[in-house]
């Protein structure tokens, strides 16, 4: 009787542990498969012609999980186009830092495009995607830059921050496109340093 009673708790603990692990693994695997399917379909058909149902079908995952795991098609797109599935940037970008500007220039050059910047500044058929991209740029670039300009005493801090953000986006996208030969051929560190100087002049008084 005592032996049976003492043996019961460990049995339940082991069972509970085994029950939780597969669920965690299944969620991670489903998210991975959705990302892989999204990358493939967006590359094949583009954003506009790809549906969440098609992504779910190729991934063999319920398409409603896209909203649960990513927040929607637009957020999945911005996540899926990151190289090697690296996580989204969560820290504000300092436009006045030569090192950060150099990393930005390098990163955009390494991938097919800067999806967030491209979606934010170019006309797009899907307002949801453009809004999602603009939200990212506002949170990571414009808002911290506005605070920096306000701290410097600028009365038009928001305008200065938006011009600086537009300048940074224009430089990195133009460099990627090859529109300007000297800009395209220049060393990333040199571009990053000059871009940081430009943004610093805009965000200071």
Protein backbone atom coordinates (compact mmCIF):
# COMPACT_ATOMS: atom_id res chain seq x y z
CA UNK A 1 0.00 0.00 0.00
CA UNK A 2 2.73 2.41 0.99
CA UNK A 3 4.88 1.37 -1.96
CA UNK A 4 2.03 2.02 -4.37
CA UNK A 5 1.32 5.44 -2.87
CA UNK A 6 4.95 6.55 -2.95
CA UNK A 7 5.39 5.42 -6.54
CA UNK A 8 2.44 7.42 -7.93
CA UNK A 9 3.80 11.02 -7.85
CA UNK A 10 6.97 10.28 -9.86
CA UNK A 11 4.84 8.49 -12.43
CA UNK A 12 2.65 11.57 -12.95
CA UNK A 13 5.64 13.90 -13.12
CA UNK A 14 7.32 11.85 -15.82
CA UNK A 15 4.09 11.68 -17.81
CA UNK A 16 3.56 15.44 -17.54
CA UNK A 17 7.11 16.11 -18.71
CA UNK A 18 6.72 13.87 -21.73
CA UNK A 19 3.35 15.46 -22.61
CA UNK A 20 4.73 19.02 -22.71
CA UNK A 21 7.85 18.41 -24.77
CA UNK A 22 6.15 17.14 -27.97
CA UNK A 23 3.82 20.15 -27.97
CA UNK A 24 6.76 22.53 -27.76
CA UNK A 25 8.60 20.61 -30.46
CA UNK A 26 5.52 20.52 -32.70
CA UNK A 27 5.03 24.29 -32.42
CA UNK A 28 8.66 24.99 -33.26
CA UNK A 29 8.56 22.56 -36.17
CA UNK A 30 5.32 24.03 -37.52
CA UNK A 31 6.76 27.54 -37.36
CA UNK A 32 9.91 26.39 -39.14
CA UNK A 33 7.91 24.68 -41.90
CA UNK A 34 5.73 27.76 -42.38
CA UNK A 35 8.83 29.95 -42.72
CA UNK A 36 10.40 27.58 -45.25
CA UNK A 37 7.19 27.36 -47.29
CA UNK A 38 6.75 31.14 -47.18
CA UNK A 39 10.31 31.75 -48.38
CA UNK A 40 9.83 29.39 -51.30
CA UNK A 41 6.43 30.74 -52.34
CA UNK A 42 7.33 34.41 -51.97
CA UNK A 43 10.41 33.76 -54.12
CA UNK A 44 8.37 31.90 -56.75
CA UNK A 45 5.27 34.10 -56.91
CA UNK A 46 5.97 37.28 -55.02
CA UNK A 47 4.07 38.64 -52.05
CA UNK A 48 0.82 39.62 -53.75
CA UNK A 49 0.22 36.29 -55.52
CA UNK A 50 0.94 34.13 -52.48
CA UNK A 51 -1.94 33.25 -50.15
CA UNK A 52 -1.83 32.02 -46.57
CA UNK A 53 -3.75 28.94 -47.67
CA UNK A 54 -1.02 28.05 -50.15
CA UNK A 55 1.67 28.57 -47.52
CA UNK A 56 -0.18 26.32 -45.09
CA UNK A 57 -0.72 23.65 -47.74
CA UNK A 58 2.95 23.54 -48.73
CA UNK A 59 4.04 23.51 -45.09
CA UNK A 60 1.39 20.92 -44.20
CA UNK A 61 0.32 23.19 -41.35
CA UNK A 62 -3.10 24.70 -40.62
CA UNK A 63 -2.92 28.17 -42.26
CA UNK A 64 -4.66 29.72 -39.24
CA UNK A 65 -1.40 29.10 -37.38
CA UNK A 66 0.19 31.88 -39.45
CA UNK A 67 -1.81 34.45 -37.48
CA UNK A 68 -1.01 32.70 -34.22
CA UNK A 69 2.74 32.35 -34.75
CA UNK A 70 3.49 35.48 -36.79
CA UNK A 71 0.52 37.84 -36.59
CA UNK A 72 -0.49 37.56 -40.25
CA UNK A 73 0.79 37.29 -43.81
CA UNK A 74 2.60 40.63 -43.80
CA UNK A 75 4.49 39.86 -40.59
CA UNK A 76 5.34 36.39 -41.91
CA UNK A 77 6.73 37.97 -45.07
CA UNK A 78 8.96 40.39 -43.18
CA UNK A 79 10.20 37.51 -41.02
CA UNK A 80 10.65 34.98 -43.84
CA UNK A 81 12.85 37.17 -46.02
CA UNK A 82 15.51 37.48 -43.32
CA UNK A 83 18.68 35.59 -44.23
CA UNK A 84 18.95 32.17 -42.55
CA UNK A 85 15.82 32.88 -40.54
CA UNK A 86 17.61 35.28 -38.20
CA UNK A 87 15.23 36.95 -35.75
CA UNK A 88 13.80 40.38 -36.37
CA UNK A 89 15.73 43.34 -35.04
CA UNK A 90 14.24 44.56 -31.78
CA UNK A 91 16.73 47.25 -30.73
CA UNK A 92 16.51 50.83 -32.04
CA UNK A 93 18.92 51.73 -34.83
CA UNK A 94 21.30 54.61 -34.10
CA UNK A 95 21.58 56.52 -37.38
CA UNK A 96 24.49 58.55 -36.01
CA UNK A 97 26.70 55.52 -35.29
CA UNK A 98 29.24 54.73 -38.06
CA UNK A 99 29.43 51.11 -36.87
CA UNK A 100 25.66 50.61 -36.99
CA UNK A 101 25.40 52.28 -40.38
CA UNK A 102 28.19 50.06 -41.72
CA UNK A 103 26.39 46.95 -40.46
CA UNK A 104 23.17 48.16 -42.08
CA UNK A 105 24.92 48.75 -45.40
CA UNK A 106 26.57 45.32 -45.23
CA UNK A 107 23.38 43.52 -44.31
CA UNK A 108 21.32 45.03 -47.12
CA UNK A 109 24.06 44.17 -49.60
CA UNK A 110 24.09 40.53 -48.50
CA UNK A 111 20.41 39.87 -49.12
CA UNK A 112 18.18 40.27 -52.16
CA UNK A 113 16.73 43.51 -50.84
CA UNK A 114 15.85 45.27 -47.63
CA UNK A 115 12.27 43.98 -47.40
CA UNK A 116 11.17 46.25 -44.59
CA UNK A 117 12.57 49.42 -46.16
CA UNK A 118 11.38 48.44 -49.64
CA UNK A 119 7.86 47.67 -48.47
CA UNK A 120 7.68 50.86 -46.43
CA UNK A 121 8.86 53.40 -49.00
CA UNK A 122 7.58 51.94 -52.27
CA UNK A 123 3.92 51.92 -53.36
CA UNK A 124 2.47 48.48 -52.70
CA UNK A 125 -0.79 46.75 -53.53
CA UNK A 126 -1.13 45.41 -50.00
CA UNK A 127 -1.69 48.20 -47.43
CA UNK A 128 -1.26 45.69 -44.58
CA UNK A 129 2.30 44.93 -45.66
CA UNK A 130 3.18 48.59 -46.06
CA UNK A 131 1.66 49.43 -42.67
CA UNK A 132 3.59 46.60 -41.00
CA UNK A 133 6.85 47.74 -42.56
CA UNK A 134 6.21 51.37 -41.67
CA UNK A 135 5.49 50.32 -38.10
CA UNK A 136 8.89 48.64 -37.90
CA UNK A 137 10.71 51.68 -39.30
CA UNK A 138 8.83 54.04 -37.00
CA UNK A 139 9.64 51.98 -33.92
CA UNK A 140 13.27 51.19 -34.69
CA UNK A 141 14.42 54.32 -36.55
CA UNK A 142 12.08 57.31 -36.59
CA UNK A 143 10.99 57.33 -32.94
CA UNK A 144 14.48 57.00 -31.40
CA UNK A 145 15.83 59.52 -33.91
CA UNK A 146 13.05 61.94 -32.99
CA UNK A 147 13.98 61.61 -29.32
CA UNK A 148 17.63 62.27 -30.18
CA UNK A 149 16.72 65.42 -32.12
CA UNK A 150 14.45 66.60 -29.30
CA UNK A 151 17.26 66.07 -26.79
CA UNK A 152 19.48 68.22 -29.01
CA UNK A 153 16.91 71.01 -28.84
CA UNK A 154 15.42 70.75 -32.34
CA UNK A 155 11.94 72.24 -32.67
CA UNK A 156 11.27 70.17 -35.79
CA UNK A 157 12.55 66.88 -34.38
CA UNK A 158 10.02 64.64 -36.13
CA UNK A 159 10.77 66.15 -39.54
CA UNK A 160 14.52 65.82 -39.02
CA UNK A 161 14.12 62.19 -37.95
CA UNK A 162 12.01 61.31 -40.97
CA UNK A 163 14.46 62.98 -43.36
CA UNK A 164 17.33 61.07 -41.74
CA UNK A 165 15.43 57.79 -42.01
CA UNK A 166 14.56 58.49 -45.65
CA UNK A 167 18.19 59.34 -46.39
CA UNK A 168 19.41 56.10 -44.81
CA UNK A 169 16.84 54.03 -46.70
CA UNK A 170 17.63 55.76 -49.98
CA UNK A 171 21.37 55.26 -49.63
CA UNK A 172 21.26 51.56 -48.75
CA UNK A 173 18.65 50.71 -51.40
CA UNK A 174 20.41 52.74 -54.10
CA UNK A 175 23.69 51.03 -53.25
CA UNK A 176 22.02 47.64 -53.57
CA UNK A 177 20.37 48.50 -56.89
CA UNK A 178 23.60 49.73 -58.48
CA UNK A 179 22.00 53.02 -59.49
CA UNK A 180 25.16 54.97 -58.61
CA UNK A 181 28.49 53.43 -59.62
CA UNK A 182 30.68 55.10 -56.99
CA UNK A 183 28.21 54.41 -54.19
CA UNK A 184 27.89 50.76 -55.24
CA UNK A 185 31.66 50.24 -55.44
CA UNK A 186 32.55 52.10 -52.24
CA UNK A 187 33.74 50.32 -49.11
CA UNK A 188 30.93 49.64 -46.64
CA UNK A 189 32.79 51.33 -43.79
CA UNK A 190 33.24 54.50 -45.84
CA UNK A 191 29.55 54.57 -46.76
CA UNK A 192 28.54 53.89 -43.17
CA UNK A 193 30.78 56.66 -41.84
CA UNK A 194 29.50 59.27 -44.29
CA UNK A 195 25.89 58.21 -43.78
CA UNK A 196 26.29 58.53 -40.01
CA UNK A 197 27.78 62.02 -40.47
CA UNK A 198 24.84 63.02 -42.65
CA UNK A 199 22.29 61.76 -40.13
CA UNK A 200 24.20 63.35 -37.24
CA UNK A 201 24.00 66.74 -38.92
CA UNK A 202 20.24 66.31 -39.35
CA UNK A 203 19.59 65.21 -35.78
CA UNK A 204 21.68 67.90 -34.10
CA UNK A 205 21.06 71.64 -33.90
